[in-house]
Amino acid sequence: MTKKSLAMSILIIFALGILAFAGFKIVNSIGEKKVSEEADRKRDIEHYYRQQNVAFFEWGHARSYEPYNKKYEWLLQAHMNLYIRNTGKTITLADVETFLAIPENPDGTPRTWKNDETGIVKDFVDWYWLWLSTDEVRFYKDELQSILTRYYVAHQDCPYTTLSLLTPEQIIELDKKYLDPDYDLVLE
């Protein structure tokens, strides 16, 4: 082998090495990007689930899909009372229950309030997080609890001491008293 052909062979091997290394880096970069995009998507979905779980149920719920839970209907009704009054829009317990009955979109991706096709749930959760920062939600629930406590003191046979023991219909009754102090509240 001549010096020229040896130099050419070394150059070709060196060039192939560089091409192989560059190809590896490109493939690795694409793989890392896909992993990063998937991690970002997972983090977003967990965030959206947490937001909807807090709006529908209570603080501290998981960052995963939570089915409809009747235990928290009282709280959801209180949130909906404020929402309806503040926005003039309508949402019902049935709307939320129907939405949560389907945990996945037709394409198999997780269904969250962000991709609510009706817009009813999306509008409600958007409103909730906006109003939560104003403390109006907490103030309203405190006022309802205060009304319930006064009612309990005046009616010793009343078995209800906390809002969480009430039905959505009873929360609506408390709301009527909240709006009109002269309203004759009866919790049965």
Protein backbone atom coordinates (compact mmCIF):
# COMPACT_ATOMS: atom_id res chain seq x y z
CA MET A 1 0.00 0.00 0.00
CA THR A 2 1.35 3.36 -0.93
CA LYS A 3 1.61 6.29 1.40
CA LYS A 4 -1.03 8.09 -0.57
CA SER A 5 -3.56 5.24 -0.37
CA LEU A 6 -2.74 4.74 3.34
CA ALA A 7 -3.38 8.44 4.00
CA MET A 8 -6.60 8.25 1.99
CA SER A 9 -7.76 5.17 3.97
CA ILE A 10 -7.03 6.91 7.27
CA LEU A 11 -8.87 10.00 6.07
CA ILE A 12 -11.88 7.91 5.00
CA ILE A 13 -11.93 6.05 8.35
CA PHE A 14 -11.62 9.35 10.19
CA ALA A 15 -14.47 10.87 8.12
CA LEU A 16 -16.68 7.81 8.73
CA GLY A 17 -15.94 8.09 12.46
CA ILE A 18 -16.97 11.73 12.47
CA LEU A 19 -20.15 10.92 10.52
CA ALA A 20 -20.99 8.06 12.89
CA PHE A 21 -20.41 10.29 15.93
CA ALA A 22 -22.53 13.08 14.42
CA GLY A 23 -25.30 10.60 13.58
CA PHE A 24 -25.21 9.25 17.14
CA LYS A 25 -25.48 12.78 18.55
CA ILE A 26 -28.42 13.61 16.27
CA VAL A 27 -30.28 10.41 17.14
CA ASN A 28 -29.51 10.90 20.84
CA SER A 29 -30.67 14.52 20.65
CA ILE A 30 -33.95 13.49 19.01
CA GLY A 31 -34.48 10.85 21.69
CA GLU A 32 -33.74 13.33 24.48
CA LYS A 33 -36.13 15.84 22.90
CA LYS A 34 -38.91 13.23 22.75
CA VAL A 35 -38.28 12.26 26.38
CA SER A 36 -38.27 15.93 27.38
CA GLU A 37 -41.49 16.63 25.45
CA GLU A 38 -43.15 13.60 27.05
CA ALA A 39 -42.02 14.74 30.52
CA ASP A 40 -43.36 18.24 29.83
CA ARG A 41 -46.68 16.81 28.60
CA LYS A 42 -46.95 14.57 31.69
CA ARG A 43 -46.17 17.51 33.99
CA ASP A 44 -48.80 19.67 32.24
CA ILE A 45 -51.45 16.95 32.57
CA GLU A 46 -50.64 16.47 36.26
CA HIS A 47 -50.94 20.23 36.75
CA TYR A 48 -54.30 20.34 34.93
CA TYR A 49 -55.60 17.41 36.99
CA ARG A 50 -54.57 19.14 40.21
CA GLN A 51 -56.34 22.32 39.14
CA GLN A 52 -59.57 20.54 38.30
CA ASN A 53 -59.41 18.37 41.42
CA VAL A 54 -59.04 21.43 43.64
CA ALA A 55 -61.89 23.26 41.89
CA PHE A 56 -64.20 20.23 42.12
CA PHE A 57 -63.20 18.61 45.38
CA GLU A 58 -60.72 20.08 47.84
CA TRP A 59 -57.09 21.06 48.42
CA GLY A 60 -54.45 18.37 48.38
CA HIS A 61 -56.00 16.01 45.85
CA ALA A 62 -53.80 13.94 43.62
CA ARG A 63 -52.25 15.13 40.40
CA SER A 64 -54.02 12.34 38.56
CA TYR A 65 -57.49 11.69 37.23
CA GLU A 66 -60.06 11.67 40.01
CA PRO A 67 -63.57 10.41 39.26
CA TYR A 68 -66.66 12.28 40.39
CA ASN A 69 -67.02 12.06 44.16
CA LYS A 70 -70.40 12.72 45.78
CA LYS A 71 -68.65 13.34 49.11
CA TYR A 72 -67.59 16.77 47.82
CA GLU A 73 -70.85 17.82 46.18
CA TRP A 74 -71.47 20.31 48.99
CA LEU A 75 -68.17 22.07 48.18
CA LEU A 76 -68.71 21.95 44.45
CA GLN A 77 -72.19 23.42 44.93
CA ALA A 78 -70.74 26.28 46.99
CA HIS A 79 -68.17 26.98 44.27
CA MET A 80 -70.88 26.81 41.60
CA ASN A 81 -73.10 29.27 43.51
CA LEU A 82 -70.35 31.89 43.33
CA TYR A 83 -69.50 31.05 39.71
CA ILE A 84 -73.09 31.42 38.54
CA ARG A 85 -73.52 34.68 40.45
CA ASN A 86 -70.20 36.15 39.26
CA THR A 87 -70.37 35.10 35.61
CA GLY A 88 -74.04 34.66 34.78
CA LYS A 89 -73.06 31.32 33.23
CA THR A 90 -74.61 28.03 34.24
CA ILE A 91 -72.95 24.86 35.44
CA THR A 92 -74.54 21.96 37.29
CA LEU A 93 -73.35 19.01 39.32
CA ALA A 94 -74.51 16.85 36.39
CA ASP A 95 -72.21 18.80 34.02
CA VAL A 96 -69.20 18.00 36.20
CA GLU A 97 -70.27 14.39 36.75
CA THR A 98 -70.76 13.89 32.99
CA PHE A 99 -67.38 15.46 32.24
CA LEU A 100 -65.56 13.30 34.78
CA ALA A 101 -67.32 10.13 33.59
CA ILE A 102 -64.99 10.06 30.58
CA PRO A 103 -61.33 10.07 31.72
CA GLU A 104 -59.84 9.88 28.21
CA ASN A 105 -60.31 11.70 24.94
CA PRO A 106 -61.28 9.64 21.87
CA ASP A 107 -57.59 9.56 20.83
CA GLY A 108 -56.64 7.96 24.18
CA THR A 109 -55.02 11.04 25.69
CA PRO A 110 -55.99 12.08 29.23
CA ARG A 111 -59.05 14.32 29.38
CA THR A 112 -58.63 17.41 31.53
CA TRP A 113 -60.53 20.65 31.93
CA LYS A 114 -58.14 22.24 29.42
CA ASN A 115 -59.58 20.14 26.60
CA ASP A 116 -63.26 20.31 27.62
CA GLU A 117 -65.13 20.30 24.33
CA THR A 118 -68.24 22.01 25.76
CA GLY A 119 -66.32 24.80 27.45
CA ILE A 120 -68.57 24.57 30.53
CA VAL A 121 -66.01 22.87 32.76
CA LYS A 122 -63.10 24.84 31.29
CA ASP A 123 -64.82 28.16 32.01
CA PHE A 124 -65.62 27.06 35.56
CA VAL A 125 -62.07 25.93 36.40
CA ASP A 126 -60.57 29.06 34.80
CA TRP A 127 -62.94 31.19 36.91
CA TYR A 128 -62.21 29.23 40.07
CA TRP A 129 -58.45 29.78 39.89
CA LEU A 130 -58.89 33.45 39.07
CA TRP A 131 -61.32 34.02 41.94
CA LEU A 132 -59.41 31.87 44.40
CA SER A 133 -56.65 34.45 44.46
CA THR A 134 -59.15 37.13 45.54
CA ASP A 135 -60.08 35.20 48.71
CA GLU A 136 -63.76 35.53 47.76
CA VAL A 137 -64.15 31.75 47.62
CA ARG A 138 -62.78 31.29 51.14
CA PHE A 139 -64.77 34.26 52.47
CA TYR A 140 -67.98 32.86 50.98
CA LYS A 141 -67.44 29.41 52.51
CA ASP A 142 -66.65 31.04 55.88
CA GLU A 143 -69.89 33.03 55.65
CA LEU A 144 -71.89 29.89 54.85
CA GLN A 145 -70.30 28.16 57.84
CA SER A 146 -71.18 31.11 60.04
CA ILE A 147 -74.81 30.98 58.89
CA LEU A 148 -74.88 27.23 59.58
CA THR A 149 -73.38 27.72 63.05
CA ARG A 150 -75.99 30.35 63.96
CA TYR A 151 -78.70 28.04 62.67
CA TYR A 152 -77.31 25.14 64.71
CA VAL A 153 -77.25 27.25 67.89
CA ALA A 154 -80.87 28.35 67.33
CA HIS A 155 -82.06 24.84 66.43
CA GLN A 156 -80.55 22.36 68.88
CA ASP A 157 -82.17 19.45 67.06
CA CYS A 158 -80.15 20.31 63.93
CA PRO A 159 -77.60 17.53 63.27
CA TYR A 160 -75.44 19.68 60.98
CA THR A 161 -72.37 21.36 62.41
CA THR A 162 -70.15 21.66 59.35
CA LEU A 163 -70.74 22.36 55.68
CA SER A 164 -69.34 18.98 54.69
CA LEU A 165 -72.40 17.31 56.28
CA LEU A 166 -74.80 19.16 53.99
CA THR A 167 -76.33 18.21 50.67
CA PRO A 168 -76.05 20.47 47.63
CA GLU A 169 -79.69 21.46 48.17
CA GLN A 170 -78.88 22.56 51.73
CA ILE A 171 -75.91 24.58 50.45
CA ILE A 172 -78.33 26.31 48.09
CA GLU A 173 -80.57 27.07 51.08
CA LEU A 174 -77.62 28.58 52.98
CA ASP A 175 -76.83 30.64 49.89
CA LYS A 176 -80.36 32.04 49.92
CA LYS A 177 -79.84 33.12 53.54
CA TYR A 178 -76.43 34.57 52.59
CA LEU A 179 -78.07 36.69 49.89
CA ASP A 180 -81.09 37.63 52.02
CA PRO A 181 -80.56 37.77 55.80
CA ASP A 182 -84.35 37.80 56.25
CA TYR A 183 -84.76 34.49 54.41
CA ASP A 184 -86.39 31.86 56.64
CA LEU A 185 -83.75 29.12 56.53
CA VAL A 186 -84.89 25.56 57.13
CA LEU A 187 -82.41 22.70 56.87
CA GLU A 188 -84.09 19.31 56.71
